[in-house]
Amino acid sequence: MKGRGAKAKWQDIDMAYLIYCLENDPSTYNSKQLAHKLKEERGIDLSSDRLRRILKKLSVEMNKSKS
């Protein structure tokens, strides 16, 4: 557990990490599992609801860029 001060913030590299995990890991994850994975491996604490909204926005943006 870290002490006082600024907490780790969400960055683009964290999103790249999640995309890498989703594309290359044979397991399937729900948003709660992904949030836990992100906290354990990257030190970023996001709620599963917030992560779900981020991933939904990302999928919409990816679909727009494909068309």
PDB file of N, CA and C in Angstrom:
ATOM      1  N   MET A   1       0.846  -1.179   0.000  1.00  0.00           N
ATOM      2  CA  MET A   1       0.000   0.000   0.000  1.00  0.00           C
ATOM      3  C   MET A   1       0.889   1.240   0.000  1.00  0.00           C
ATOM      4  N   LYS A   2       0.608   2.142  -0.898  1.00  0.00           N
ATOM      5  CA  LYS A   2       1.386   3.363  -0.994  1.00  0.00           C
ATOM      6  C   LYS A   2       0.894   4.366   0.033  1.00  0.00           C
ATOM      7  N   GLY A   3       1.759   5.273   0.383  1.00  0.00           N
ATOM      8  CA  GLY A   3       1.416   6.305   1.356  1.00  0.00           C
ATOM      9  C   GLY A   3       0.670   7.453   0.729  1.00  0.00           C
ATOM     10  N   ARG A   4       0.817   8.604   1.331  1.00  0.00           N
ATOM     11  CA  ARG A   4       0.139   9.794   0.831  1.00  0.00           C
ATOM     12  C   ARG A   4       0.718  10.224  -0.502  1.00  0.00           C
ATOM     13  N   GLY A   5      -0.006  11.119  -1.115  1.00  0.00           N
ATOM     14  CA  GLY A   5       0.496  11.678  -2.361  1.00  0.00           C
ATOM     15  C   GLY A   5      -0.357  11.291  -3.542  1.00  0.00           C
ATOM     16  N   ALA A   6       0.138  11.674  -4.691  1.00  0.00           N
ATOM     17  CA  ALA A   6      -0.600  11.427  -5.929  1.00  0.00           C
ATOM     18  C   ALA A   6      -0.690   9.937  -6.221  1.00  0.00           C
ATOM     19  N   LYS A   7      -1.838   9.509  -6.609  1.00  0.00           N
ATOM     20  CA  LYS A   7      -2.057   8.109  -6.976  1.00  0.00           C
ATOM     21  C   LYS A   7      -1.743   7.927  -8.453  1.00  0.00           C
ATOM     22  N   ALA A   8      -1.488   6.698  -8.825  1.00  0.00           N
ATOM     23  CA  ALA A   8      -1.207   6.410 -10.232  1.00  0.00           C
ATOM     24  C   ALA A   8      -2.418   6.798 -11.072  1.00  0.00           C
ATOM     25  N   LYS A   9      -2.166   7.410 -12.209  1.00  0.00           N
ATOM     26  CA  LYS A   9      -3.238   7.868 -13.087  1.00  0.00           C
ATOM     27  C   LYS A   9      -3.295   7.010 -14.334  1.00  0.00           C
ATOM     28  N   TRP A  10      -4.462   6.939 -14.904  1.00  0.00           N
ATOM     29  CA  TRP A  10      -4.728   6.200 -16.125  1.00  0.00           C
ATOM     30  C   TRP A  10      -3.994   6.863 -17.281  1.00  0.00           C
ATOM     31  N   GLN A  11      -3.265   6.073 -18.084  1.00  0.00           N
ATOM     32  CA  GLN A  11      -2.534   6.603 -19.235  1.00  0.00           C
ATOM     33  C   GLN A  11      -2.811   5.742 -20.458  1.00  0.00           C
ATOM     34  N   ASP A  12      -2.440   6.251 -21.623  1.00  0.00           N
ATOM     35  CA  ASP A  12      -2.656   5.522 -22.875  1.00  0.00           C
ATOM     36  C   ASP A  12      -1.928   4.183 -22.882  1.00  0.00           C
ATOM     37  N   ILE A  13      -0.773   4.112 -22.240  1.00  0.00           N
ATOM     38  CA  ILE A  13      -0.015   2.859 -22.216  1.00  0.00           C
ATOM     39  C   ILE A  13      -0.781   1.776 -21.446  1.00  0.00           C
ATOM     40  N   ASP A  14      -1.590   2.192 -20.472  1.00  0.00           N
ATOM     41  CA  ASP A  14      -2.416   1.231 -19.736  1.00  0.00           C
ATOM     42  C   ASP A  14      -3.501   0.651 -20.637  1.00  0.00           C
ATOM     43  N   MET A  15      -4.073   1.489 -21.500  1.00  0.00           N
ATOM     44  CA  MET A  15      -5.066   1.001 -22.458  1.00  0.00           C
ATOM     45  C   MET A  15      -4.409   0.043 -23.438  1.00  0.00           C
ATOM     46  N   ALA A  16      -3.201   0.380 -23.890  1.00  0.00           N
ATOM     47  CA  ALA A  16      -2.477  -0.499 -24.806  1.00  0.00           C
ATOM     48  C   ALA A  16      -2.214  -1.847 -24.142  1.00  0.00           C
ATOM     49  N   TYR A  17      -1.907  -1.831 -22.852  1.00  0.00           N
ATOM     50  CA  TYR A  17      -1.686  -3.071 -22.109  1.00  0.00           C
ATOM     51  C   TYR A  17      -2.954  -3.926 -22.075  1.00  0.00           C
ATOM     52  N   LEU A  18      -4.100  -3.297 -21.810  1.00  0.00           N
ATOM     53  CA  LEU A  18      -5.360  -4.039 -21.766  1.00  0.00           C
ATOM     54  C   LEU A  18      -5.711  -4.613 -23.135  1.00  0.00           C
ATOM     55  N   ILE A  19      -5.500  -3.836 -24.179  1.00  0.00           N
ATOM     56  CA  ILE A  19      -5.778  -4.323 -25.532  1.00  0.00           C
ATOM     57  C   ILE A  19      -4.873  -5.509 -25.844  1.00  0.00           C
ATOM     58  N   TYR A  20      -3.617  -5.408 -25.456  1.00  0.00           N
ATOM     59  CA  TYR A  20      -2.680  -6.512 -25.670  1.00  0.00           C
ATOM     60  C   TYR A  20      -3.167  -7.770 -24.946  1.00  0.00           C
ATOM     61  N   CYS A  21      -3.589  -7.614 -23.700  1.00  0.00           N
ATOM     62  CA  CYS A  21      -4.086  -8.760 -22.923  1.00  0.00           C
ATOM     63  C   CYS A  21      -5.323  -9.376 -23.579  1.00  0.00           C
ATOM     64  N   LEU A  22      -6.243  -8.531 -24.023  1.00  0.00           N
ATOM     65  CA  LEU A  22      -7.477  -9.032 -24.632  1.00  0.00           C
ATOM     66  C   LEU A  22      -7.207  -9.755 -25.944  1.00  0.00           C
ATOM     67  N   GLU A  23      -6.243  -9.268 -26.716  1.00  0.00           N
ATOM     68  CA  GLU A  23      -5.960  -9.874 -28.012  1.00  0.00           C
ATOM     69  C   GLU A  23      -5.083 -11.116 -27.911  1.00  0.00           C
ATOM     70  N   ASN A  24      -4.176 -11.169 -26.937  1.00  0.00           N
ATOM     71  CA  ASN A  24      -3.179 -12.234 -26.906  1.00  0.00           C
ATOM     72  C   ASN A  24      -3.374 -13.282 -25.818  1.00  0.00           C
ATOM     73  N   ASP A  25      -4.244 -13.028 -24.881  1.00  0.00           N
ATOM     74  CA  ASP A  25      -4.478 -13.981 -23.804  1.00  0.00           C
ATOM     75  C   ASP A  25      -5.652 -14.886 -24.193  1.00  0.00           C
ATOM     76  N   PRO A  26      -5.482 -16.206 -24.103  1.00  0.00           N
ATOM     77  CA  PRO A  26      -6.578 -17.090 -24.496  1.00  0.00           C
ATOM     78  C   PRO A  26      -7.793 -17.009 -23.558  1.00  0.00           C
ATOM     79  N   SER A  27      -7.611 -16.465 -22.364  1.00  0.00           N
ATOM     80  CA  SER A  27      -8.722 -16.328 -21.424  1.00  0.00           C
ATOM     81  C   SER A  27      -9.645 -15.202 -21.853  1.00  0.00           C
ATOM     82  N   THR A  28     -10.890 -15.277 -21.411  1.00  0.00           N
ATOM     83  CA  THR A  28     -11.808 -14.159 -21.592  1.00  0.00           C
ATOM     84  C   THR A  28     -11.976 -13.487 -20.235  1.00  0.00           C
ATOM     85  N   TYR A  29     -12.170 -12.194 -20.251  1.00  0.00           N
ATOM     86  CA  TYR A  29     -12.267 -11.422 -19.018  1.00  0.00           C
ATOM     87  C   TYR A  29     -13.560 -10.625 -18.992  1.00  0.00           C
ATOM     88  N   ASN A  30     -14.104 -10.450 -17.805  1.00  0.00           N
ATOM     89  CA  ASN A  30     -15.173  -9.472 -17.645  1.00  0.00           C
ATOM     90  C   ASN A  30     -14.533  -8.197 -17.101  1.00  0.00           C
ATOM     91  N   SER A  31     -15.308  -7.129 -16.980  1.00  0.00           N
ATOM     92  CA  SER A  31     -14.723  -5.849 -16.586  1.00  0.00           C
ATOM     93  C   SER A  31     -14.153  -5.883 -15.162  1.00  0.00           C
ATOM     94  N   LYS A  32     -14.763  -6.660 -14.280  1.00  0.00           N
ATOM     95  CA  LYS A  32     -14.257  -6.759 -12.911  1.00  0.00           C
ATOM     96  C   LYS A  32     -12.889  -7.441 -12.897  1.00  0.00           C
ATOM     97  N   GLN A  33     -12.742  -8.498 -13.679  1.00  0.00           N
ATOM     98  CA  GLN A  33     -11.459  -9.198 -13.758  1.00  0.00           C
ATOM     99  C   GLN A  33     -10.385  -8.313 -14.395  1.00  0.00           C
ATOM    100  N   LEU A  34     -10.757  -7.564 -15.425  1.00  0.00           N
ATOM    101  CA  LEU A  34      -9.801  -6.654 -16.061  1.00  0.00           C
ATOM    102  C   LEU A  34      -9.370  -5.543 -15.114  1.00  0.00           C
ATOM    103  N   ALA A  35     -10.304  -5.012 -14.340  1.00  0.00           N
ATOM    104  CA  ALA A  35      -9.976  -3.971 -13.364  1.00  0.00           C
ATOM    105  C   ALA A  35      -8.999  -4.518 -12.327  1.00  0.00           C
ATOM    106  N   HIS A  36      -9.225  -5.744 -11.883  1.00  0.00           N
ATOM    107  CA  HIS A  36      -8.323  -6.368 -10.918  1.00  0.00           C
ATOM    108  C   HIS A  36      -6.938  -6.596 -11.528  1.00  0.00           C
ATOM    109  N   LYS A  37      -6.900  -7.070 -12.756  1.00  0.00           N
ATOM    110  CA  LYS A  37      -5.642  -7.302 -13.459  1.00  0.00           C
ATOM    111  C   LYS A  37      -4.864  -5.999 -13.616  1.00  0.00           C
ATOM    112  N   LEU A  38      -5.559  -4.935 -13.965  1.00  0.00           N
ATOM    113  CA  LEU A  38      -4.925  -3.634 -14.133  1.00  0.00           C
ATOM    114  C   LEU A  38      -4.348  -3.128 -12.813  1.00  0.00           C
ATOM    115  N   LYS A  39      -5.070  -3.341 -11.726  1.00  0.00           N
ATOM    116  CA  LYS A  39      -4.581  -2.897 -10.418  1.00  0.00           C
ATOM    117  C   LYS A  39      -3.370  -3.706  -9.978  1.00  0.00           C
ATOM    118  N   GLU A  40      -3.427  -5.015 -10.157  1.00  0.00           N
ATOM    119  CA  GLU A  40      -2.335  -5.883  -9.718  1.00  0.00           C
ATOM    120  C   GLU A  40      -1.061  -5.685 -10.542  1.00  0.00           C
ATOM    121  N   GLU A  41      -1.207  -5.540 -11.846  1.00  0.00           N
ATOM    122  CA  GLU A  41      -0.039  -5.526 -12.717  1.00  0.00           C
ATOM    123  C   GLU A  41       0.446  -4.132 -13.084  1.00  0.00           C
ATOM    124  N   ARG A  42      -0.429  -3.134 -13.029  1.00  0.00           N
ATOM    125  CA  ARG A  42      -0.034  -1.784 -13.437  1.00  0.00           C
ATOM    126  C   ARG A  42      -0.186  -0.759 -12.324  1.00  0.00           C
ATOM    127  N   GLY A  43      -0.846  -1.122 -11.212  1.00  0.00           N
ATOM    128  CA  GLY A  43      -1.027  -0.189 -10.105  1.00  0.00           C
ATOM    129  C   GLY A  43      -2.086   0.869 -10.356  1.00  0.00           C
ATOM    130  N   ILE A  44      -2.975   0.629 -11.315  1.00  0.00           N
ATOM    131  CA  ILE A  44      -4.040   1.574 -11.650  1.00  0.00           C
ATOM    132  C   ILE A  44      -5.343   1.051 -11.063  1.00  0.00           C
ATOM    133  N   ASP A  45      -5.987   1.866 -10.232  1.00  0.00           N
ATOM    134  CA  ASP A  45      -7.210   1.448  -9.558  1.00  0.00           C
ATOM    135  C   ASP A  45      -8.413   2.098 -10.225  1.00  0.00           C
ATOM    136  N   LEU A  46      -9.094   1.328 -11.061  1.00  0.00           N
ATOM    137  CA  LEU A  46     -10.320   1.784 -11.716  1.00  0.00           C
ATOM    138  C   LEU A  46     -11.461   0.859 -11.327  1.00  0.00           C
ATOM    139  N   SER A  47     -12.641   1.414 -11.208  1.00  0.00           N
ATOM    140  CA  SER A  47     -13.792   0.558 -10.936  1.00  0.00           C
ATOM    141  C   SER A  47     -14.139  -0.214 -12.206  1.00  0.00           C
ATOM    142  N   SER A  48     -14.807  -1.320 -12.031  1.00  0.00           N
ATOM    143  CA  SER A  48     -15.199  -2.119 -13.186  1.00  0.00           C
ATOM    144  C   SER A  48     -16.175  -1.341 -14.074  1.00  0.00           C
ATOM    145  N   ASP A  49     -17.029  -0.504 -13.472  1.00  0.00           N
ATOM    146  CA  ASP A  49     -17.967   0.308 -14.256  1.00  0.00           C
ATOM    147  C   ASP A  49     -17.221   1.326 -15.115  1.00  0.00           C
ATOM    148  N   ARG A  50     -16.247   1.983 -14.532  1.00  0.00           N
ATOM    149  CA  ARG A  50     -15.462   2.982 -15.274  1.00  0.00           C
ATOM    150  C   ARG A  50     -14.695   2.312 -16.413  1.00  0.00           C
ATOM    151  N   LEU A  51     -14.100   1.165 -16.122  1.00  0.00           N
ATOM    152  CA  LEU A  51     -13.349   0.437 -17.142  1.00  0.00           C
ATOM    153  C   LEU A  51     -14.272   0.000 -18.276  1.00  0.00           C
ATOM    154  N   ARG A  52     -15.481  -0.445 -17.946  1.00  0.00           N
ATOM    155  CA  ARG A  52     -16.447  -0.855 -18.965  1.00  0.00           C
ATOM    156  C   ARG A  52     -16.788   0.310 -19.878  1.00  0.00           C
ATOM    157  N   ARG A  53     -16.967   1.518 -19.305  1.00  0.00           N
ATOM    158  CA  ARG A  53     -17.271   2.695 -20.123  1.00  0.00           C
ATOM    159  C   ARG A  53     -16.100   3.056 -21.036  1.00  0.00           C
ATOM    160  N   ILE A  54     -14.878   2.938 -20.527  1.00  0.00           N
ATOM    161  CA  ILE A  54     -13.691   3.234 -21.331  1.00  0.00           C
ATOM    162  C   ILE A  54     -13.591   2.252 -22.496  1.00  0.00           C
ATOM    163  N   LEU A  55     -13.784   0.967 -22.219  1.00  0.00           N
ATOM    164  CA  LEU A  55     -13.691  -0.044 -23.276  1.00  0.00           C
ATOM    165  C   LEU A  55     -14.808   0.120 -24.308  1.00  0.00           C
ATOM    166  N   LYS A  56     -15.988   0.499 -23.868  1.00  0.00           N
ATOM    167  CA  LYS A  56     -17.091   0.723 -24.793  1.00  0.00           C
ATOM    168  C   LYS A  56     -16.776   1.897 -25.716  1.00  0.00           C
ATOM    169  N   LYS A  57     -16.247   2.978 -25.152  1.00  0.00           N
ATOM    170  CA  LYS A  57     -15.868   4.135 -25.960  1.00  0.00           C
ATOM    171  C   LYS A  57     -14.778   3.756 -26.952  1.00  0.00           C
ATOM    172  N   LEU A  58     -13.821   2.967 -26.510  1.00  0.00           N
ATOM    173  CA  LEU A  58     -12.742   2.526 -27.387  1.00  0.00           C
ATOM    174  C   LEU A  58     -13.282   1.689 -28.539  1.00  0.00           C
ATOM    175  N   SER A  59     -14.208   0.782 -28.265  1.00  0.00           N
ATOM    176  CA  SER A  59     -14.747  -0.068 -29.327  1.00  0.00           C
ATOM    177  C   SER A  59     -15.527   0.757 -30.344  1.00  0.00           C
ATOM    178  N   VAL A  60     -16.237   1.784 -29.904  1.00  0.00           N
ATOM    179  CA  VAL A  60     -16.964   2.660 -30.819  1.00  0.00           C
ATOM    180  C   VAL A  60     -15.976   3.399 -31.704  1.00  0.00           C
ATOM    181  N   GLU A  61     -14.891   3.916 -31.118  1.00  0.00           N
ATOM    182  CA  GLU A  61     -13.885   4.635 -31.892  1.00  0.00           C
ATOM    183  C   GLU A  61     -13.181   3.722 -32.894  1.00  0.00           C
ATOM    184  N   MET A  62     -12.932   2.487 -32.501  1.00  0.00           N
ATOM    185  CA  MET A  62     -12.272   1.533 -33.396  1.00  0.00           C
ATOM    186  C   MET A  62     -13.193   1.186 -34.565  1.00  0.00           C
ATOM    187  N   ASN A  63     -14.495   1.040 -34.302  1.00  0.00           N
ATOM    188  CA  ASN A  63     -15.444   0.739 -35.371  1.00  0.00           C
ATOM    189  C   ASN A  63     -15.575   1.904 -36.347  1.00  0.00           C
ATOM    190  N   LYS A  64     -15.499   3.131 -35.852  1.00  0.00           N
ATOM    191  CA  LYS A  64     -15.566   4.304 -36.726  1.00  0.00           C
ATOM    192  C   LYS A  64     -14.337   4.362 -37.635  1.00  0.00           C
ATOM    193  N   SER A  65     -13.174   4.022 -37.091  1.00  0.00           N
ATOM    194  CA  SER A  65     -11.948   4.100 -37.894  1.00  0.00           C
ATOM    195  C   SER A  65     -11.891   3.001 -38.948  1.00  0.00           C
ATOM    196  N   LYS A  66     -12.570   1.882 -38.728  1.00  0.00           N
ATOM    197  CA  LYS A  66     -12.589   0.794 -39.707  1.00  0.00           C
ATOM    198  C   LYS A  66     -13.462   1.128 -40.903  1.00  0.00           C
ATOM    199  N   SER A  67     -14.516   1.927 -40.687  1.00  0.00           N
ATOM    200  CA  SER A  67     -15.436   2.218 -41.796  1.00  0.00           C
ATOM    201  C   SER A  67     -15.063   3.443 -42.568  1.00  0.00           C
TER     202      SER A  67
END
